[in-house]
N, C-alpha and C. Protein backbone atom coordinates (compact mmCIF):
# COMPACT_ATOMS: atom_id res chain seq x y z
N MET A 1 77.21 -154.73 292.62
CA MET A 1 76.84 -153.61 291.80
C MET A 1 75.59 -152.90 293.10
N ASP A 2 76.00 -151.64 293.06
CA ASP A 2 75.21 -150.66 293.99
C ASP A 2 73.63 -150.52 293.48
N LYS A 3 72.76 -149.99 294.56
CA LYS A 3 71.43 -150.29 294.36
C LYS A 3 70.99 -149.26 292.95
N GLN A 4 71.43 -148.12 293.07
CA GLN A 4 71.38 -146.87 292.05
C GLN A 4 71.44 -147.42 290.78
N THR A 5 72.70 -148.26 290.67
CA THR A 5 72.97 -148.85 288.99
C THR A 5 72.15 -149.77 289.06
N GLN A 6 71.74 -150.47 289.85
CA GLN A 6 70.60 -151.69 289.67
C GLN A 6 69.56 -150.96 288.99
N ILE A 7 68.97 -149.86 289.88
CA ILE A 7 67.82 -149.31 289.07
C ILE A 7 67.80 -148.89 287.95
N GLU A 8 69.00 -147.78 287.76
CA GLU A 8 69.33 -147.32 286.27
C GLU A 8 69.06 -148.63 285.11
N LEU A 9 69.80 -149.62 285.45
CA LEU A 9 70.01 -150.77 284.33
C LEU A 9 68.73 -151.40 284.09
N GLU A 10 67.85 -151.66 285.11
CA GLU A 10 66.53 -152.23 285.02
C GLU A 10 65.36 -151.28 284.18
N ALA A 11 65.66 -150.08 284.66
CA ALA A 11 64.93 -148.68 283.82
C ALA A 11 65.46 -149.16 282.43
N ALA A 12 66.79 -149.02 282.50
CA ALA A 12 67.02 -148.86 280.99
C ALA A 12 66.49 -150.22 280.08
N ALA A 13 66.41 -151.49 280.64
CA ALA A 13 65.92 -152.58 280.05
C ALA A 13 64.32 -152.28 279.70
N PHE A 14 63.79 -151.74 280.93
CA PHE A 14 62.23 -151.53 280.64
C PHE A 14 61.96 -150.64 279.28
N ARG A 15 62.67 -149.62 279.56
CA ARG A 15 62.64 -148.79 278.29
C ARG A 15 62.88 -149.46 276.83
N THR A 16 64.10 -150.13 276.56
CA THR A 16 64.29 -150.91 275.67
C THR A 16 63.03 -151.93 275.36
N LEU A 17 62.57 -152.72 276.35
CA LEU A 17 61.48 -153.34 275.96
C LEU A 17 60.05 -152.91 275.34
N ARG A 18 59.86 -151.46 276.18
CA ARG A 18 58.92 -150.46 275.45
C ARG A 18 59.18 -149.88 274.01
N GLU A 19 60.30 -149.79 273.88
CA GLU A 19 60.58 -148.95 272.54
C GLU A 19 60.51 -150.19 271.52
N HIS A 20 61.04 -151.12 271.83
CA HIS A 20 60.79 -152.63 271.09
C HIS A 20 59.42 -153.07 270.59
N LEU A 21 58.66 -152.79 271.37
CA LEU A 21 57.07 -153.20 271.33
C LEU A 21 56.48 -152.03 270.91
N MET A 22 56.63 -150.91 270.75
CA MET A 22 56.03 -149.70 270.48
C MET A 22 56.54 -149.71 269.02
N GLU A 23 57.87 -149.67 268.81
CA GLU A 23 58.35 -148.89 267.28
C GLU A 23 58.74 -150.26 266.52
N LYS A 24 59.35 -151.47 267.10
CA LYS A 24 60.01 -152.18 266.13
C LYS A 24 59.05 -153.56 265.87
N ARG A 25 58.14 -153.93 266.76
CA ARG A 25 57.61 -155.06 266.74
C ARG A 25 55.84 -154.86 266.79
N THR A 26 55.41 -154.00 266.12
CA THR A 26 54.23 -153.50 266.13
C THR A 26 53.02 -154.68 265.71
N ASP A 27 53.71 -155.77 264.88
CA ASP A 27 53.58 -156.60 264.37
C ASP A 27 52.83 -157.56 265.39
N VAL A 28 53.65 -157.74 266.64
CA VAL A 28 53.19 -158.58 267.79
C VAL A 28 51.80 -158.47 268.25
N GLN A 29 50.87 -158.89 268.21
CA GLN A 29 49.47 -158.91 268.81
C GLN A 29 49.59 -158.88 270.37
N ASN A 30 48.74 -158.09 270.98
CA ASN A 30 48.96 -158.33 272.40
C ASN A 30 48.18 -159.47 273.03
N ILE A 31 47.34 -160.08 272.13
CA ILE A 31 46.47 -161.46 272.31
C ILE A 31 47.50 -162.69 272.52
N ASP A 32 48.57 -162.78 271.44
CA ASP A 32 49.40 -163.49 271.19
C ASP A 32 50.48 -163.36 272.51
N MET A 33 50.86 -162.25 272.83
CA MET A 33 51.90 -162.09 273.73
C MET A 33 51.27 -162.72 275.20
N MET A 34 49.76 -162.40 275.24
CA MET A 34 49.18 -162.72 276.63
C MET A 34 49.17 -164.29 276.41
N ASN A 35 48.64 -164.73 275.49
CA ASN A 35 48.61 -166.29 275.41
C ASN A 35 49.73 -167.15 275.73
N LEU A 36 50.96 -166.70 275.11
CA LEU A 36 52.14 -167.16 275.01
C LEU A 36 53.10 -166.78 276.43
N ALA A 37 52.86 -165.43 276.74
CA ALA A 37 53.86 -165.15 277.95
C ALA A 37 52.95 -164.69 279.20
N GLY A 38 51.86 -164.73 278.97
CA GLY A 38 50.95 -164.10 280.34
C GLY A 38 50.99 -162.71 280.74
N PHE A 39 51.45 -161.85 279.91
CA PHE A 39 51.25 -160.26 280.06
C PHE A 39 51.50 -159.68 278.51
N CYS A 40 51.06 -158.68 278.54
CA CYS A 40 51.15 -158.18 277.35
C CYS A 40 51.28 -156.39 277.48
N ARG A 41 51.16 -155.93 276.35
CA ARG A 41 51.49 -154.21 276.46
C ARG A 41 50.43 -153.53 277.28
N ASN A 42 49.19 -153.73 277.83
CA ASN A 42 48.25 -153.46 278.51
C ASN A 42 48.95 -153.49 279.91
N CYS A 43 49.33 -154.93 279.92
CA CYS A 43 49.51 -155.41 281.47
C CYS A 43 51.06 -154.30 281.88
N LEU A 44 51.92 -154.11 281.03
CA LEU A 44 53.06 -153.44 280.94
C LEU A 44 52.40 -151.87 281.38
N SER A 45 51.62 -151.22 280.71
CA SER A 45 51.19 -150.05 281.05
C SER A 45 50.18 -149.98 282.66
N ARG A 46 49.87 -150.93 282.95
CA ARG A 46 49.17 -151.49 284.00
C ARG A 46 50.06 -151.14 285.38
N TRP A 47 51.02 -151.95 284.97
CA TRP A 47 52.19 -151.97 286.25
C TRP A 47 52.88 -150.60 286.04
N TYR A 48 52.90 -149.97 285.09
CA TYR A 48 53.32 -148.47 284.97
C TYR A 48 52.49 -147.91 285.76
N GLN A 49 51.21 -147.66 285.38
CA GLN A 49 50.50 -147.02 286.24
C GLN A 49 50.20 -147.41 287.66
N GLU A 50 50.39 -148.55 288.43
CA GLU A 50 50.55 -149.06 289.49
C GLU A 50 51.41 -148.28 290.23
N ALA A 51 52.91 -148.50 289.51
CA ALA A 51 53.80 -147.81 290.33
C ALA A 51 53.95 -146.54 290.48
N ALA A 52 53.32 -145.63 289.66
CA ALA A 52 52.92 -144.21 289.61
C ALA A 52 51.89 -143.85 290.76
N ASN A 53 50.95 -144.74 290.48
CA ASN A 53 49.94 -144.47 291.74
C ASN A 53 50.38 -144.56 293.14
N GLU A 54 51.24 -146.09 293.30
CA GLU A 54 51.85 -146.30 294.45
C GLU A 54 52.74 -144.94 295.03
N ARG A 55 53.21 -144.12 294.17
CA ARG A 55 54.31 -143.23 294.53
C ARG A 55 53.40 -141.68 294.83
N GLY A 56 52.13 -141.67 294.66
CA GLY A 56 51.25 -140.45 294.78
C GLY A 56 51.15 -139.90 293.37
N ILE A 57 51.19 -140.51 292.88
CA ILE A 57 51.16 -139.74 290.92
C ILE A 57 49.94 -140.23 290.47
N GLU A 58 48.89 -139.43 290.29
CA GLU A 58 48.05 -139.65 289.72
C GLU A 58 47.74 -140.06 288.45
N MET A 59 47.42 -141.18 288.06
CA MET A 59 47.45 -141.59 286.64
C MET A 59 46.55 -142.62 286.13
N ASP A 60 45.63 -142.66 285.21
CA ASP A 60 44.72 -143.55 285.17
C ASP A 60 44.84 -144.33 283.97
N LYS A 61 44.14 -145.38 283.70
CA LYS A 61 44.34 -146.27 282.98
C LYS A 61 44.81 -146.13 281.17
N THR A 62 44.11 -144.90 280.95
CA THR A 62 44.10 -144.47 279.49
C THR A 62 45.49 -143.46 279.42
N GLN A 63 45.80 -142.77 280.31
CA GLN A 63 47.08 -142.14 280.42
C GLN A 63 48.15 -143.12 280.55
N ALA A 64 48.48 -144.13 281.22
CA ALA A 64 49.53 -145.08 281.30
C ALA A 64 49.52 -145.88 279.96
N ARG A 65 48.13 -146.06 279.13
CA ARG A 65 48.57 -146.63 277.98
C ARG A 65 49.01 -145.88 276.63
N GLU A 66 48.73 -144.60 277.01
CA GLU A 66 49.24 -143.63 275.85
C GLU A 66 50.52 -143.42 276.02
N ILE A 67 51.16 -143.09 277.40
CA ILE A 67 52.94 -143.35 277.60
C ILE A 67 53.26 -144.60 276.70
N PHE A 68 52.66 -145.84 277.50
CA PHE A 68 53.29 -146.96 276.85
C PHE A 68 53.29 -147.35 275.38
N TYR A 69 51.98 -146.81 274.60
CA TYR A 69 51.70 -147.15 273.34
C TYR A 69 52.50 -146.02 272.55
N GLY A 70 52.45 -144.94 273.18
CA GLY A 70 52.89 -144.00 272.23
C GLY A 70 51.57 -142.98 271.33
N MET A 71 50.57 -143.76 271.74
CA MET A 71 49.10 -143.18 270.81
C MET A 71 48.09 -143.67 271.86
N THR A 72 46.99 -142.88 271.53
CA THR A 72 45.69 -143.73 272.20
C THR A 72 45.65 -145.02 271.99
N MET A 73 44.75 -145.75 272.58
CA MET A 73 44.51 -147.23 272.35
C MET A 73 43.65 -147.53 270.77
N ASP A 74 42.75 -146.25 270.70
CA ASP A 74 41.98 -146.24 269.56
C ASP A 74 43.07 -146.30 268.17
N GLU A 75 44.32 -145.10 268.49
CA GLU A 75 44.76 -144.93 267.26
C GLU A 75 45.59 -146.52 266.97
N TRP A 76 46.07 -147.16 268.20
CA TRP A 76 46.94 -148.43 267.85
C TRP A 76 46.25 -149.60 267.43
N LYS A 77 44.97 -149.72 268.06
CA LYS A 77 44.00 -150.57 267.18
C LYS A 77 43.74 -150.59 265.84
N THR A 78 43.44 -149.27 265.50
CA THR A 78 43.31 -148.85 264.01
C THR A 78 44.65 -149.15 263.16
N ASN A 79 45.53 -148.58 263.61
CA ASN A 79 47.10 -148.77 263.07
C ASN A 79 47.50 -150.27 263.13
N TYR A 80 47.41 -151.42 263.95
CA TYR A 80 48.17 -152.33 264.41
C TYR A 80 47.39 -153.48 264.77
N GLN A 81 46.25 -153.64 265.28
CA GLN A 81 45.70 -154.59 265.83
C GLN A 81 44.85 -155.25 264.73
N THR A 82 45.02 -156.81 264.93
CA THR A 82 44.11 -157.78 263.54
C THR A 82 43.26 -158.36 264.52
N ASP A 83 42.45 -158.94 263.76
CA ASP A 83 41.57 -159.91 264.36
C ASP A 83 42.14 -161.08 264.71
N ALA A 84 41.30 -161.36 266.04
CA ALA A 84 41.90 -162.78 266.65
C ALA A 84 40.69 -163.73 266.41
N SER A 85 41.41 -165.19 266.03
CA SER A 85 40.48 -166.38 265.68
C SER A 85 39.91 -166.29 267.04
N PRO A 86 38.66 -167.33 266.94
CA PRO A 86 38.06 -167.93 267.91
C PRO A 86 38.61 -168.34 268.91
N GLU A 87 39.70 -169.19 268.35
CA GLU A 87 40.67 -170.09 269.26
C GLU A 87 41.34 -169.38 270.06
N LYS A 88 41.99 -168.31 269.31
CA LYS A 88 42.95 -167.24 270.19
C LYS A 88 42.30 -166.56 271.25
N GLN A 89 41.09 -166.30 270.93
CA GLN A 89 40.26 -165.45 272.12
C GLN A 89 39.81 -166.38 273.26
N ALA A 90 39.46 -167.64 272.87
CA ALA A 90 39.19 -168.96 273.69
C ALA A 90 40.73 -169.17 274.89
N GLU A 91 42.08 -168.94 274.30
CA GLU A 91 43.38 -169.16 275.10
C GLU A 91 43.15 -167.90 275.59
N PHE A 92 43.15 -166.88 275.21
CA PHE A 92 43.16 -165.59 276.00
C PHE A 92 42.34 -165.59 276.94
N GLU A 93 41.09 -165.88 277.08
CA GLU A 93 40.16 -165.86 278.53
C GLU A 93 41.10 -166.98 279.55
N VAL A 94 41.49 -168.25 279.21
CA VAL A 94 42.37 -169.01 279.78
C VAL A 94 43.62 -167.97 280.74
N ALA A 95 44.00 -167.50 279.60
CA ALA A 95 45.49 -166.92 279.92
C ALA A 95 45.08 -165.49 280.88
N PHE A 96 44.10 -164.77 280.57
CA PHE A 96 43.91 -163.58 281.25
C PHE A 96 43.51 -163.99 282.73
N LYS A 97 42.64 -164.90 283.01
CA LYS A 97 42.14 -165.50 284.43
C LYS A 97 43.51 -165.98 285.10
N GLU A 98 44.24 -166.49 284.47
CA GLU A 98 45.39 -167.46 284.95
C GLU A 98 46.69 -166.22 285.59
N ASN A 99 46.51 -165.11 284.74
CA ASN A 99 47.55 -164.08 284.82
C ASN A 99 47.38 -162.75 285.35
N VAL A 100 45.81 -162.47 285.21
CA VAL A 100 45.64 -161.17 285.32
C VAL A 100 44.20 -161.55 286.55
N GLY A 101 43.78 -162.29 286.48
CA GLY A 101 42.36 -162.54 287.26
C GLY A 101 41.15 -162.49 286.51
N ASP A 102 39.76 -162.60 287.01
CA ASP A 102 38.81 -163.08 286.59
C ASP A 102 38.36 -161.51 286.01
N LYS A 103 37.55 -161.10 285.18
CA LYS A 103 37.44 -159.95 284.50
C LYS A 103 36.09 -159.22 285.44
N SER A 104 35.25 -160.19 286.15
CA SER A 104 34.30 -159.60 286.98
C SER A 104 34.75 -158.76 287.99
């Protein structure tokens, strides 16, 4: 497989993942994704932002999240986010440190 085809296939897989999480599985909570897989929608949008910034494209966290969520974070939270139990929040603290780093 040539490099361009590989890039196109990877991009298509990413777009499908984004669409799946944005449109088909809005019931899947970010905290559950982070606790189980070590990444969530916010991680995906951050990676998108970092890739843009590395290529000289100015993009902040808010812009990247709107691209990934298809709406603002406030809209997403209002429409889809549910409350997390204290146990899930404690698991998240561990998963976040292991996969993203310390919040400070």
